[in-house]
Amino acid sequence: MSRHCPTRQCLRCRQMLGNVWEWTASPFGPFPGFEPELYRDYSAPWFKEGRYVLRGGAWATRGRLIHNSYRNFFTPERRDILAGFRTCAL
């Protein structure tokens, strides 16, 4: 990380991603035009009710895979997936 972004501010921004997967209120489903490619059985069979989108990555996720647009999915009752949520005040 320091090789590409040595400043303290950059390191703080890094903490916005990667501590835990972030739950969203979005049901897990295909984007318009979705076509399964390399991993045919990874996402398409799971486009069912009860699964919600998680974004980002967790502390155990490889750094090159952590990105705010990276989507994963699970059911809310799972407690073993390193997930949390981000709060905001309006």
Protein backbone atom coordinates (compact mmCIF):
# COMPACT_ATOMS: atom_id res chain seq x y z
CA MET A 1 0.00 0.00 0.00
CA SER A 2 2.69 2.55 0.94
CA ARG A 3 4.48 1.98 -2.34
CA HIS A 4 1.53 3.44 -4.26
CA CYS A 5 0.03 5.75 -1.69
CA PRO A 6 2.43 6.83 1.07
CA THR A 7 0.41 9.65 2.62
CA ARG A 8 -1.49 9.37 5.88
CA GLN A 9 -4.65 10.62 4.15
CA CYS A 10 -4.39 7.85 1.57
CA LEU A 11 -4.08 5.26 4.30
CA ARG A 12 -7.20 6.63 5.99
CA CYS A 13 -9.11 6.31 2.71
CA ARG A 14 -7.96 2.70 2.51
CA GLN A 15 -9.90 2.06 5.72
CA MET A 16 -13.13 2.88 3.88
CA LEU A 17 -12.81 -0.51 2.20
CA GLY A 18 -11.66 -3.85 3.42
CA ASN A 19 -12.44 -4.06 7.13
CA VAL A 20 -15.71 -5.93 6.61
CA TRP A 21 -18.01 -6.64 3.68
CA GLU A 22 -20.73 -3.98 3.72
CA TRP A 23 -24.37 -5.04 3.62
CA THR A 24 -26.64 -3.15 1.25
CA ALA A 25 -30.43 -3.16 0.96
CA SER A 26 -30.16 -4.39 -2.64
CA PRO A 27 -31.42 -7.86 -3.48
CA PHE A 28 -28.79 -9.92 -5.28
CA GLY A 29 -29.71 -10.14 -8.96
CA PRO A 30 -28.27 -9.66 -12.41
CA PHE A 31 -27.47 -6.28 -13.86
CA PRO A 32 -29.14 -5.52 -17.23
CA GLY A 33 -27.29 -7.46 -19.91
CA PHE A 34 -25.73 -9.91 -17.43
CA GLU A 35 -24.16 -13.00 -18.97
CA PRO A 36 -22.28 -15.55 -16.87
CA GLU A 37 -18.71 -15.92 -18.07
CA LEU A 38 -15.86 -17.69 -16.33
CA TYR A 39 -17.74 -18.92 -13.28
CA ARG A 40 -21.14 -19.94 -14.60
CA ASP A 41 -22.28 -21.44 -11.30
CA TYR A 42 -20.99 -18.65 -9.09
CA SER A 43 -23.73 -16.04 -9.28
CA ALA A 44 -26.58 -16.96 -11.65
CA PRO A 45 -27.95 -19.86 -9.54
CA TRP A 46 -28.13 -17.53 -6.53
CA PHE A 47 -30.37 -14.84 -8.07
CA LYS A 48 -33.16 -15.76 -5.70
CA GLU A 49 -35.11 -13.98 -3.00
CA GLY A 50 -33.46 -13.70 0.38
CA ARG A 51 -29.93 -12.96 -0.78
CA TYR A 52 -28.63 -9.43 -0.48
CA VAL A 53 -25.62 -7.66 -1.92
CA LEU A 54 -22.44 -7.16 0.06
CA ARG A 55 -19.86 -4.73 -1.33
CA GLY A 56 -16.16 -4.13 -0.93
CA GLY A 57 -14.31 -6.89 0.88
CA ALA A 58 -13.13 -7.85 4.35
CA TRP A 59 -9.79 -7.93 6.14
CA ALA A 60 -9.31 -11.51 4.89
CA THR A 61 -9.95 -10.55 1.23
CA ARG A 62 -6.89 -10.22 -0.97
CA GLY A 63 -6.02 -6.57 -1.55
CA ARG A 64 -6.30 -6.78 -5.32
CA LEU A 65 -9.91 -7.95 -4.97
CA ILE A 66 -11.08 -5.19 -2.60
CA HIS A 67 -13.07 -2.59 -4.49
CA ASN A 68 -16.25 -0.67 -3.65
CA SER A 69 -17.98 -1.99 -6.78
CA TYR A 70 -17.15 -5.65 -6.09
CA ARG A 71 -20.37 -7.49 -5.26
CA ASN A 72 -20.88 -10.62 -3.22
CA PHE A 73 -24.01 -12.17 -1.75
CA PHE A 74 -25.26 -14.09 1.27
CA THR A 75 -28.38 -14.47 3.34
CA PRO A 76 -28.72 -12.14 6.35
CA GLU A 77 -28.68 -14.91 8.98
CA ARG A 78 -25.07 -15.85 8.17
CA ARG A 79 -22.67 -14.88 10.94
CA ASP A 80 -19.43 -16.18 9.46
CA ILE A 81 -18.87 -13.85 6.50
CA LEU A 82 -17.01 -10.88 8.01
CA ALA A 83 -19.86 -8.49 7.17
CA GLY A 84 -20.99 -5.24 8.73
CA PHE A 85 -22.70 -2.03 7.69
CA ARG A 86 -21.86 1.64 7.33
CA THR A 87 -24.03 4.25 8.99
CA CYS A 88 -24.71 7.76 7.78
CA ALA A 89 -26.64 10.72 9.12
CA LEU A 90 -28.97 12.62 6.84
